[in-house]
Every structure is written in C-alpha cells, then in structure tokens.
Amino acid sequence: MARLDGKVAIISGGSKGQGAAEAKLFAEEGAKVVITDILDEEGKALESEIVASGGIASFFHVDVTRSSDWNDVVSFTQEAYGEINILVNNAGILLRKSVEETTVEEWDRVNDINSKGVFLGTKAVIPAMRSAGGGSIVNISSVAALIGISPAAYTASKGSVRLLTKSTAVQYGPEGIRCNSVHPGWVETDMIKEALSDSDIRKERLQVVPLQMFGSVMDVAYGVLYLASDESRYVTGSELVIDGGVIAK
C-alpha cells in the first residue's frame, strides 16, 4: 500500500521547485493533491503531468496572503475530494538584506508571504481537518529559524513559522491534528541556485556543510512525506532539520 493512500493534500507554492517535488511524490504515494500557487501556467502544467502519470491532482490559484483565497481552496478541495487530511505550507520568498538595508515594505512583503501565509492556511484548514477526524500540517521553515543568519526579514519570518507550528501542535493535538516544521539548509531550489551561482560563494557555503554537499528538493520532499503520513502519528510540534549537518557545528 502506498504511504498516502486515501489522503487528500493541499500544497501551497506547489507549482515549481520544492513544492512541485512534494506534489509529485505525494501523488505517487496515493494522495489526491491540490496544488496552489500564483503561478497559474506552471501549476496547470504540473497538474497535467501528474494526471498523465496516473495520479490525481488539481491546480487552484491561491495568493497565500489572502484569507479569501484560502477559504476558496478549502471549499474546492472538500467539494472535489470530500475532506482534507494534509496541508503543506510551502510557499515562501527570500530577501537577502540586513536589518538596515530592509525597507518597511520589504519586511511586510516577506512576512506576509512567509509567516502570515502559514497562519492563514493553518486557520483555514483546521475546521476541515476537525471534520475529517484529524490531519497533518507540515510547515516549511528553515535553518534560519534555528541559527542567526543575515537576511533579517527572512530569518524573522521563518522563526515565526517555527513557533506557530508549536503553538498549533499544542492547541490542536487533542483533536488529532498534528503540526510539525521542516528546516532545510542549503537546498538547490531555483531560489537558492541564484545565490550559489558565484563559484566562490558556492565553495564558501559548501565548507560549512559537514556532508560536503548541497541538498536536493527530494531530500526535503521525503522528510515532508514522512511527516504527512501516518508513519509519524506520534510526532507533533517537532522540528525536522534537513541541512547536511550545518547546525550541528
């Protein structure tokens, strides 16, 4: 039996990169997947790819900063697939600026997407998960939530996600709703590849990774799969670090 047989999952920021890898893996493992993003063309193409491979998937346009969009996708998912068992809050952006370099507008934008987006998604799915008898929420944070790094707004937003995860786990554990956070290190997504395009910077970053390699989107996707599945039924409020050993130093 596949690891997510009978499960219905919503994945935000699922049109490309890490979210797309999670969507394809979930579908392969038997889940019905609702891919959400503001990238409509890429999302619809991914939907078609999954369906052509024998999976079940739908794309739905969602701006994670809009509560109405979240309410709409929850209603769509319940109507299309009956219930919601899994939410992966994957959508996020990166801004590489220090405190002094960051404008108020930039701070608000990063935190609206990375932090408020997770709050709104979580809030929207909880009633549906309650009706389904429980569920699993997986929030994509970062090692930036565990150690101090220079991008100020990004670090603050990911720290917020880490503690919102714990708060959610404590509040809704009695209802069978689990919530865990995933903390990737240097993973070669499109967002990170730009930062690693300079060979000197790439070499410098690699030196701080004990495993001496960067991660792939699948390294993260398999961790998310574990937390979404019933294999982690006794795991909630935890932090899954996937960083090649960076924060062990």
Protein backbone atom coordinates (compact mmCIF):
# COMPACT_ATOMS: atom_id res chain seq x y z
CA MET A 1 0.00 0.00 0.00
CA ALA A 2 1.25 3.49 -0.85
CA ARG A 3 2.17 5.72 2.08
CA LEU A 4 -0.59 8.30 1.48
CA ASP A 5 -3.39 6.08 0.17
CA GLY A 6 -6.76 7.75 0.72
CA LYS A 7 -5.26 11.08 1.83
CA VAL A 8 -6.15 14.49 0.42
CA ALA A 9 -3.40 17.11 0.49
CA ILE A 10 -3.11 20.83 -0.20
CA ILE A 11 0.37 22.12 -1.02
CA SER A 12 0.98 25.88 -1.22
CA GLY A 13 3.67 27.21 -3.52
CA GLY A 14 3.38 23.91 -5.35
CA SER A 15 3.85 24.95 -8.98
CA LYS A 16 7.62 24.50 -9.12
CA GLY A 17 10.75 23.70 -7.12
CA GLN A 18 10.37 22.07 -3.75
CA GLY A 19 6.57 22.30 -3.76
CA ALA A 20 6.33 20.60 -7.15
CA ALA A 21 8.61 17.79 -5.95
CA GLU A 22 6.34 17.29 -2.95
CA ALA A 23 3.21 17.31 -5.11
CA LYS A 24 4.58 14.66 -7.48
CA LEU A 25 5.84 12.49 -4.62
CA PHE A 26 2.54 12.72 -2.75
CA ALA A 27 0.61 11.73 -5.87
CA GLU A 28 2.96 8.78 -6.43
CA GLU A 29 2.24 7.71 -2.85
CA GLY A 30 -1.51 7.69 -3.43
CA ALA A 31 -2.65 11.14 -2.30
CA LYS A 32 -5.12 13.34 -4.11
CA VAL A 33 -3.17 16.59 -4.39
CA VAL A 34 -4.39 20.17 -4.70
CA ILE A 35 -1.53 22.34 -5.94
CA THR A 36 -1.84 26.02 -5.06
CA ASP A 37 0.23 28.94 -6.28
CA ILE A 38 0.04 32.29 -8.05
CA LEU A 39 1.96 30.72 -10.97
CA ASP A 40 -1.04 29.50 -12.93
CA GLU A 41 0.71 28.29 -16.08
CA GLU A 42 3.28 26.22 -14.18
CA GLY A 43 0.63 24.89 -11.80
CA LYS A 44 -1.68 23.73 -14.58
CA ALA A 45 1.24 22.09 -16.37
CA LEU A 46 2.15 20.20 -13.19
CA GLU A 47 -1.46 19.11 -12.75
CA SER A 48 -1.44 17.71 -16.28
CA GLU A 49 1.90 15.96 -15.69
CA ILE A 50 0.65 14.24 -12.53
CA VAL A 51 -2.63 13.18 -14.13
CA ALA A 52 -0.80 11.85 -17.20
CA SER A 53 1.33 9.73 -14.87
CA GLY A 54 -1.77 8.18 -13.30
CA GLY A 55 -2.04 10.43 -10.26
CA ILE A 56 -4.88 12.63 -9.04
CA ALA A 57 -4.24 16.36 -8.89
CA SER A 58 -5.89 19.74 -9.31
CA PHE A 59 -4.43 23.22 -9.56
CA PHE A 60 -6.10 26.12 -7.75
CA HIS A 61 -4.92 29.73 -7.80
CA VAL A 62 -4.11 30.94 -4.29
CA ASP A 63 -2.36 34.05 -3.05
CA VAL A 64 -1.35 32.86 0.43
CA THR A 65 -1.67 36.37 1.86
CA ARG A 66 -5.42 36.45 1.11
CA SER A 67 -7.73 34.67 3.55
CA SER A 68 -10.48 34.57 0.91
CA ASP A 69 -8.22 32.56 -1.41
CA TRP A 70 -7.54 30.05 1.37
CA ASN A 71 -11.24 29.72 2.15
CA ASP A 72 -11.95 29.18 -1.54
CA VAL A 73 -9.38 26.39 -1.94
CA VAL A 74 -10.60 24.64 1.20
CA SER A 75 -14.17 24.70 -0.16
CA PHE A 76 -12.98 23.49 -3.56
CA THR A 77 -10.98 20.64 -2.05
CA GLN A 78 -13.83 19.43 0.14
CA GLU A 79 -16.24 19.54 -2.80
CA ALA A 80 -13.82 17.79 -5.17
CA TYR A 81 -12.30 15.20 -2.84
CA GLY A 82 -14.51 15.04 0.26
CA GLU A 83 -12.08 16.01 3.01
CA ILE A 84 -8.64 17.44 3.79
CA ASN A 85 -6.03 15.36 5.62
CA ILE A 86 -2.76 17.16 4.87
CA LEU A 87 -1.62 20.75 4.45
CA VAL A 88 1.94 21.61 3.41
CA ASN A 89 2.64 25.32 3.91
CA ASN A 90 5.47 25.52 1.41
CA ALA A 91 5.07 28.94 -0.23
CA GLY A 92 7.84 31.38 0.62
CA ILE A 93 10.24 34.02 -0.66
CA LEU A 94 13.80 35.03 0.23
CA LEU A 95 15.19 38.54 0.64
CA ARG A 96 18.96 38.80 1.19
CA LYS A 97 19.18 42.08 3.07
CA SER A 98 20.37 43.10 6.52
CA VAL A 99 18.23 44.99 9.05
CA GLU A 100 19.44 48.40 7.84
CA GLU A 101 19.06 47.52 4.16
CA THR A 102 15.49 46.23 4.53
CA THR A 103 12.66 48.67 3.86
CA VAL A 104 9.39 48.52 5.78
CA GLU A 105 7.63 47.49 2.58
CA GLU A 106 10.09 44.64 2.00
CA TRP A 107 9.74 43.49 5.61
CA ASP A 108 5.97 43.42 5.28
CA ARG A 109 6.04 41.53 1.98
CA VAL A 110 8.38 38.80 3.21
CA ASN A 111 6.48 38.33 6.46
CA ASP A 112 3.08 38.48 4.74
CA ILE A 113 4.01 35.56 2.48
CA ASN A 114 6.28 33.51 4.74
CA SER A 115 4.56 34.00 8.09
CA LYS A 116 1.02 35.29 7.63
CA GLY A 117 0.52 32.90 4.73
CA VAL A 118 1.22 29.95 7.03
CA PHE A 119 -1.15 31.33 9.66
CA LEU A 120 -3.95 31.85 7.14
CA GLY A 121 -3.51 28.40 5.62
CA THR A 122 -3.47 26.73 9.01
CA LYS A 123 -6.53 28.64 10.18
CA ALA A 124 -8.45 27.78 7.02
CA VAL A 125 -7.85 24.01 7.10
CA ILE A 126 -8.35 23.32 10.81
CA PRO A 127 -12.18 23.08 10.63
CA ALA A 128 -11.90 20.73 7.65
CA MET A 129 -9.33 18.56 9.43
CA ARG A 130 -11.52 18.51 12.52
CA SER A 131 -14.39 17.22 10.39
CA ALA A 132 -12.07 14.57 8.92
CA GLY A 133 -11.09 13.34 12.38
CA GLY A 134 -7.59 14.83 12.35
CA GLY A 135 -4.78 15.63 9.97
CA SER A 136 -1.18 16.66 9.48
CA ILE A 137 0.09 20.19 8.87
CA VAL A 138 3.69 20.48 7.69
CA ASN A 139 5.22 23.96 7.71
CA ILE A 140 8.36 24.61 5.68
CA SER A 141 10.62 26.76 7.81
CA SER A 142 14.43 26.96 7.52
CA VAL A 143 17.64 26.53 9.47
CA ALA A 144 17.35 30.33 9.63
CA ALA A 145 14.75 29.75 12.36
CA LEU A 146 17.36 27.93 14.46
CA ILE A 147 20.54 29.97 13.98
CA GLY A 148 21.24 33.63 13.28
CA ILE A 149 21.88 34.46 9.64
CA SER A 150 21.97 37.81 7.88
CA PRO A 151 18.72 38.06 5.85
CA ALA A 152 16.70 39.88 8.51
CA ALA A 153 13.11 39.66 7.28
CA TYR A 154 13.51 36.08 6.05
CA THR A 155 15.03 34.92 9.34
CA ALA A 156 12.28 36.60 11.36
CA SER A 157 9.55 35.11 9.18
CA LYS A 158 10.94 31.58 9.45
CA GLY A 159 11.33 31.93 13.22
CA SER A 160 7.68 32.87 13.34
CA VAL A 161 6.77 29.72 11.41
CA ARG A 162 8.74 27.56 13.86
CA LEU A 163 6.87 28.80 16.92
CA LEU A 164 3.47 28.99 15.23
CA THR A 165 3.99 25.31 14.47
CA LYS A 166 4.48 24.50 18.14
CA SER A 167 1.52 26.62 19.19
CA THR A 168 -0.70 24.85 16.65
CA ALA A 169 0.53 21.43 17.77
CA VAL A 170 -0.26 22.16 21.42
CA GLN A 171 -3.69 23.65 20.74
CA TYR A 172 -4.98 21.05 18.29
CA GLY A 173 -3.23 17.85 19.33
CA PRO A 174 -6.27 16.77 21.39
CA GLU A 175 -8.30 16.84 18.15
CA GLY A 176 -5.86 14.62 16.29
CA ILE A 177 -4.36 17.46 14.28
CA ARG A 178 -0.57 17.28 14.15
CA CYS A 179 1.72 20.15 13.15
CA ASN A 180 5.46 19.94 12.51
CA SER A 181 8.08 22.15 10.88
CA VAL A 182 10.79 21.26 8.38
CA HIS A 183 14.08 23.17 8.42
CA PRO A 184 16.06 22.85 5.19
CA GLY A 185 19.61 24.13 4.87
CA TRP A 186 21.26 24.80 1.52
CA VAL A 187 18.91 23.05 -0.90
CA GLU A 188 19.35 23.69 -4.62
CA THR A 189 15.96 25.16 -5.45
CA ASP A 190 15.63 27.95 -8.01
CA MET A 191 15.54 30.42 -5.13
CA ILE A 192 18.88 29.21 -3.74
CA LYS A 193 20.67 28.43 -7.02
CA GLU A 194 20.89 32.14 -7.74
CA ALA A 195 22.83 32.66 -4.52
CA LEU A 196 25.13 29.75 -5.37
CA SER A 197 25.79 30.81 -8.97
CA ASP A 198 29.07 32.51 -7.98
CA SER A 199 31.71 29.79 -7.69
CA ASP A 200 33.48 31.47 -4.76
CA ILE A 201 30.24 31.81 -2.79
CA ARG A 202 29.34 28.21 -3.63
CA LYS A 203 32.70 26.98 -2.32
CA GLU A 204 32.36 29.12 0.82
CA ARG A 205 28.86 27.79 1.58
CA LEU A 206 29.91 24.20 0.95
CA GLN A 207 32.68 24.47 3.52
CA VAL A 208 30.14 24.91 6.34
CA VAL A 209 28.22 21.73 5.41
CA PRO A 210 29.68 18.66 7.18
CA LEU A 211 28.34 16.32 4.48
CA GLN A 212 30.15 18.47 1.88
CA MET A 213 27.21 18.64 -0.49
CA PHE A 214 24.07 20.68 -1.01
CA GLY A 215 20.65 19.13 -0.65
CA SER A 216 18.12 18.39 -3.37
CA VAL A 217 14.39 19.08 -3.38
CA MET A 218 13.81 15.35 -2.97
CA ASP A 219 15.85 15.29 0.24
CA VAL A 220 13.28 17.67 1.67
CA ALA A 221 10.27 16.08 -0.03
CA TYR A 222 10.92 12.70 1.57
CA GLY A 223 11.05 14.34 5.00
CA VAL A 224 7.77 16.13 4.32
CA LEU A 225 6.25 12.82 3.16
CA TYR A 226 7.16 11.20 6.47
CA LEU A 227 5.54 13.99 8.49
CA ALA A 228 2.43 13.97 6.28
CA SER A 229 1.99 10.20 6.57
CA ASP A 230 0.64 8.11 9.44
CA GLU A 231 4.19 6.83 10.00
CA SER A 232 4.68 9.98 12.10
CA ARG A 233 1.41 9.57 14.01
CA TYR A 234 3.17 10.22 17.36
CA VAL A 235 5.17 13.21 16.12
CA THR A 236 3.89 16.76 16.61
CA GLY A 237 5.37 20.13 17.49
CA SER A 238 8.76 18.91 16.30
CA GLU A 239 11.49 20.26 14.03
CA LEU A 240 12.85 18.10 11.23
CA VAL A 241 16.22 19.55 10.23
CA ILE A 242 17.45 18.62 6.74
CA ASP A 243 20.69 20.56 6.40
CA GLY A 244 23.65 18.22 5.87
CA GLY A 245 24.76 18.88 9.44
CA VAL A 246 25.12 22.67 9.32
CA ILE A 247 23.56 23.46 12.69
CA ALA A 248 25.46 20.62 14.38
CA LYS A 249 28.64 22.72 14.17
